[in-house]
């Protein structure tokens, strides 16, 4: 049986060393897609920017630099608070976000309770994934 873990938080979009904007973010983890965390960043009105992160990279990024390619994650401090920096690079540009480390860690602990790290393969439906992959080709 599939289950979903969700979390609402505010991240900060870093515009410069002195300027940042709060951005509401919705994180979703679905045991049917056990390696991924889906994030929707609410940019105003009905608009969202959606990203998919490797759950393992987010968890590792709480303690040390992680990620490859268009997503880089690392721990830091901002205004005396522990944050996780998330650097995103895409066709439309780049963004640097600061996520509150405690909120992200609490969310990831809940995902670990849903699917223990290292046991993700036990939750994959290989036939469904193969069908989805072939439909996208």
C-alpha atoms as a PDB file:
ATOM      1  CA  UNK A   1       0.000   0.000   0.000  1.00  0.00           C
ATOM      2  CA  UNK A   2       1.352   3.394  -0.999  1.00  0.00           C
ATOM      3  CA  UNK A   3       1.472   6.316   1.375  1.00  0.00           C
ATOM      4  CA  UNK A   4       2.456   9.956   1.084  1.00  0.00           C
ATOM      5  CA  UNK A   5       4.395  12.237   3.416  1.00  0.00           C
ATOM      6  CA  UNK A   6       3.948  15.982   2.943  1.00  0.00           C
ATOM      7  CA  UNK A   7       5.439  19.115   4.439  1.00  0.00           C
ATOM      8  CA  UNK A   8       4.768  22.823   4.028  1.00  0.00           C
ATOM      9  CA  UNK A   9       7.624  25.227   4.759  1.00  0.00           C
ATOM     10  CA  UNK A  10       9.000  28.590   3.783  1.00  0.00           C
ATOM     11  CA  UNK A  11      12.350  28.674   2.031  1.00  0.00           C
ATOM     12  CA  UNK A  12      14.261  31.825   1.173  1.00  0.00           C
ATOM     13  CA  UNK A  13      15.169  32.685  -2.405  1.00  0.00           C
ATOM     14  CA  UNK A  14      18.572  34.349  -2.177  1.00  0.00           C
ATOM     15  CA  UNK A  15      18.798  37.317  -4.541  1.00  0.00           C
ATOM     16  CA  UNK A  16      22.043  38.829  -3.223  1.00  0.00           C
ATOM     17  CA  UNK A  17      24.167  38.780  -0.079  1.00  0.00           C
ATOM     18  CA  UNK A  18      21.737  41.300   1.466  1.00  0.00           C
ATOM     19  CA  UNK A  19      18.413  40.412  -0.159  1.00  0.00           C
ATOM     20  CA  UNK A  20      16.171  37.342  -0.059  1.00  0.00           C
ATOM     21  CA  UNK A  21      12.491  36.592  -0.522  1.00  0.00           C
ATOM     22  CA  UNK A  22      10.309  34.089   1.339  1.00  0.00           C
ATOM     23  CA  UNK A  23       8.903  31.375  -0.906  1.00  0.00           C
ATOM     24  CA  UNK A  24       6.262  28.901   0.297  1.00  0.00           C
ATOM     25  CA  UNK A  25       7.268  25.350  -0.591  1.00  0.00           C
ATOM     26  CA  UNK A  26       5.359  22.074  -0.552  1.00  0.00           C
ATOM     27  CA  UNK A  27       7.380  18.869  -0.232  1.00  0.00           C
ATOM     28  CA  UNK A  28       5.843  15.503  -1.082  1.00  0.00           C
ATOM     29  CA  UNK A  29       7.244  12.012  -0.719  1.00  0.00           C
ATOM     30  CA  UNK A  30       5.289   9.102  -2.163  1.00  0.00           C
ATOM     31  CA  UNK A  31       6.267   5.530  -1.336  1.00  0.00           C
ATOM     32  CA  UNK A  32       5.335   4.616  -4.935  1.00  0.00           C
ATOM     33  CA  UNK A  33       8.333   6.759  -6.018  1.00  0.00           C
ATOM     34  CA  UNK A  34      10.647   5.902  -3.112  1.00  0.00           C
ATOM     35  CA  UNK A  35      13.858   7.538  -4.325  1.00  0.00           C
ATOM     36  CA  UNK A  36      12.355  10.992  -4.958  1.00  0.00           C
ATOM     37  CA  UNK A  37      11.092  14.047  -3.110  1.00  0.00           C
ATOM     38  CA  UNK A  38       8.822  16.292  -5.172  1.00  0.00           C
ATOM     39  CA  UNK A  39       8.904  20.000  -4.384  1.00  0.00           C
ATOM     40  CA  UNK A  40       6.563  22.744  -5.520  1.00  0.00           C
ATOM     41  CA  UNK A  41       7.807  26.287  -4.951  1.00  0.00           C
ATOM     42  CA  UNK A  42       4.893  28.744  -4.977  1.00  0.00           C
ATOM     43  CA  UNK A  43       6.123  31.791  -6.847  1.00  0.00           C
ATOM     44  CA  UNK A  44       2.966  33.863  -6.647  1.00  0.00           C
ATOM     45  CA  UNK A  45      -0.705  33.400  -7.384  1.00  0.00           C
ATOM     46  CA  UNK A  46      -1.314  29.969  -8.852  1.00  0.00           C
ATOM     47  CA  UNK A  47       2.209  29.671 -10.293  1.00  0.00           C
ATOM     48  CA  UNK A  48       4.580  26.982  -9.050  1.00  0.00           C
ATOM     49  CA  UNK A  49       8.032  25.817 -10.002  1.00  0.00           C
ATOM     50  CA  UNK A  50       8.305  22.045  -9.617  1.00  0.00           C
ATOM     51  CA  UNK A  51      11.487  20.095  -8.956  1.00  0.00           C
ATOM     52  CA  UNK A  52      12.259  16.478  -8.141  1.00  0.00           C
ATOM     53  CA  UNK A  53      15.116  15.770  -5.753  1.00  0.00           C
ATOM     54  CA  UNK A  54      16.857  12.545  -4.834  1.00  0.00           C
ATOM     55  CA  UNK A  55      15.815  11.897  -1.228  1.00  0.00           C
ATOM     56  CA  UNK A  56      19.333  10.635  -0.509  1.00  0.00           C
ATOM     57  CA  UNK A  57      20.890  13.924  -1.722  1.00  0.00           C
ATOM     58  CA  UNK A  58      18.612  16.013   0.497  1.00  0.00           C
ATOM     59  CA  UNK A  59      19.432  13.826   3.501  1.00  0.00           C
ATOM     60  CA  UNK A  60      23.163  13.944   2.794  1.00  0.00           C
ATOM     61  CA  UNK A  61      22.965  17.716   2.232  1.00  0.00           C
ATOM     62  CA  UNK A  62      21.939  18.169   5.864  1.00  0.00           C
ATOM     63  CA  UNK A  63      25.523  17.229   6.845  1.00  0.00           C
ATOM     64  CA  UNK A  64      27.837  17.713   3.828  1.00  0.00           C
ATOM     65  CA  UNK A  65      27.769  18.858   0.194  1.00  0.00           C
ATOM     66  CA  UNK A  66      25.732  16.530  -2.023  1.00  0.00           C
ATOM     67  CA  UNK A  67      24.094  16.371  -5.423  1.00  0.00           C
ATOM     68  CA  UNK A  68      25.278  16.434  -8.982  1.00  0.00           C
ATOM     69  CA  UNK A  69      24.286  18.284 -12.110  1.00  0.00           C
ATOM     70  CA  UNK A  70      21.400  20.700 -11.798  1.00  0.00           C
ATOM     71  CA  UNK A  71      20.849  20.190  -8.047  1.00  0.00           C
ATOM     72  CA  UNK A  72      23.512  20.905  -5.407  1.00  0.00           C
ATOM     73  CA  UNK A  73      22.750  20.728  -1.665  1.00  0.00           C
ATOM     74  CA  UNK A  74      24.927  21.658   1.346  1.00  0.00           C
ATOM     75  CA  UNK A  75      24.586  22.684   5.005  1.00  0.00           C
ATOM     76  CA  UNK A  76      25.186  26.271   6.093  1.00  0.00           C
ATOM     77  CA  UNK A  77      24.131  28.945   8.586  1.00  0.00           C
ATOM     78  CA  UNK A  78      22.190  32.102   7.828  1.00  0.00           C
ATOM     79  CA  UNK A  79      21.377  34.784  10.402  1.00  0.00           C
ATOM     80  CA  UNK A  80      22.314  32.366  13.193  1.00  0.00           C
ATOM     81  CA  UNK A  81      20.086  29.531  11.937  1.00  0.00           C
ATOM     82  CA  UNK A  82      21.020  26.188  10.415  1.00  0.00           C
ATOM     83  CA  UNK A  83      19.903  26.060   6.795  1.00  0.00           C
ATOM     84  CA  UNK A  84      20.296  23.727   3.865  1.00  0.00           C
ATOM     85  CA  UNK A  85      21.380  25.523   0.715  1.00  0.00           C
ATOM     86  CA  UNK A  86      19.794  24.207  -2.456  1.00  0.00           C
ATOM     87  CA  UNK A  87      21.265  25.444  -5.738  1.00  0.00           C
ATOM     88  CA  UNK A  88      19.112  24.760  -8.794  1.00  0.00           C
ATOM     89  CA  UNK A  89      20.206  25.177 -12.391  1.00  0.00           C
ATOM     90  CA  UNK A  90      17.801  24.808 -15.294  1.00  0.00           C
ATOM     91  CA  UNK A  91      17.076  26.011 -18.782  1.00  0.00           C
ATOM     92  CA  UNK A  92      15.333  29.088 -17.355  1.00  0.00           C
ATOM     93  CA  UNK A  93      18.199  30.091 -15.070  1.00  0.00           C
ATOM     94  CA  UNK A  94      19.618  29.489 -11.623  1.00  0.00           C
ATOM     95  CA  UNK A  95      18.274  29.827  -8.096  1.00  0.00           C
ATOM     96  CA  UNK A  96      19.767  29.551  -4.632  1.00  0.00           C
ATOM     97  CA  UNK A  97      17.374  28.620  -1.844  1.00  0.00           C
ATOM     98  CA  UNK A  98      17.852  28.357   1.910  1.00  0.00           C
ATOM     99  CA  UNK A  99      15.608  25.746   3.550  1.00  0.00           C
ATOM    100  CA  UNK A 100      15.277  25.565   7.349  1.00  0.00           C
ATOM    101  CA  UNK A 101      17.421  22.575   8.345  1.00  0.00           C
ATOM    102  CA  UNK A 102      15.194  21.494  11.253  1.00  0.00           C
ATOM    103  CA  UNK A 103      12.026  21.423   9.131  1.00  0.00           C
ATOM    104  CA  UNK A 104      13.769  19.558   6.310  1.00  0.00           C
ATOM    105  CA  UNK A 105      15.292  17.069   8.750  1.00  0.00           C
ATOM    106  CA  UNK A 106      11.886  16.436  10.398  1.00  0.00           C
ATOM    107  CA  UNK A 107      10.309  15.832   6.973  1.00  0.00           C
ATOM    108  CA  UNK A 108      13.089  13.422   5.961  1.00  0.00           C
ATOM    109  CA  UNK A 109      12.718  11.488   9.241  1.00  0.00           C
ATOM    110  CA  UNK A 110       9.052  11.001   8.384  1.00  0.00           C
ATOM    111  CA  UNK A 111      10.017   9.721   4.922  1.00  0.00           C
ATOM    112  CA  UNK A 112      12.492   7.333   6.569  1.00  0.00           C
ATOM    113  CA  UNK A 113       9.647   5.969   8.701  1.00  0.00           C
ATOM    114  CA  UNK A 114       7.617   5.376   5.512  1.00  0.00           C
ATOM    115  CA  UNK A 115      10.509   3.747   3.607  1.00  0.00           C
ATOM    116  CA  UNK A 116      13.736   2.948   5.390  1.00  0.00           C
ATOM    117  CA  UNK A 117      16.797   4.271   3.532  1.00  0.00           C
ATOM    118  CA  UNK A 118      18.327   1.414   1.562  1.00  0.00           C
ATOM    119  CA  UNK A 119      14.982  -0.385   1.212  1.00  0.00           C
ATOM    120  CA  UNK A 120      13.596   1.778  -1.592  1.00  0.00           C
ATOM    121  CA  UNK A 121      13.933  -1.055  -4.123  1.00  0.00           C
ATOM    122  CA  UNK A 122      11.395  -3.077  -2.109  1.00  0.00           C
ATOM    123  CA  UNK A 123       8.767  -0.420  -2.873  1.00  0.00           C
ATOM    124  CA  UNK A 124       9.293  -0.095  -6.618  1.00  0.00           C
ATOM    125  CA  UNK A 125       6.758  -1.585  -8.999  1.00  0.00           C
ATOM    126  CA  UNK A 126       9.142  -2.495 -11.825  1.00  0.00           C
ATOM    127  CA  UNK A 127       6.335  -3.310 -14.285  1.00  0.00           C
ATOM    128  CA  UNK A 128       4.645   0.040 -13.666  1.00  0.00           C
ATOM    129  CA  UNK A 129       7.929   1.954 -13.976  1.00  0.00           C
ATOM    130  CA  UNK A 130       8.812   0.158 -17.215  1.00  0.00           C
ATOM    131  CA  UNK A 131       5.360   0.888 -18.666  1.00  0.00           C
ATOM    132  CA  UNK A 132       5.662   4.549 -17.713  1.00  0.00           C
ATOM    133  CA  UNK A 133       9.154   4.761 -19.233  1.00  0.00           C
ATOM    134  CA  UNK A 134       8.010   3.161 -22.503  1.00  0.00           C
ATOM    135  CA  UNK A 135       4.981   5.475 -22.688  1.00  0.00           C
ATOM    136  CA  UNK A 136       7.295   8.509 -22.402  1.00  0.00           C
ATOM    137  CA  UNK A 137       9.606   7.271 -25.189  1.00  0.00           C
END
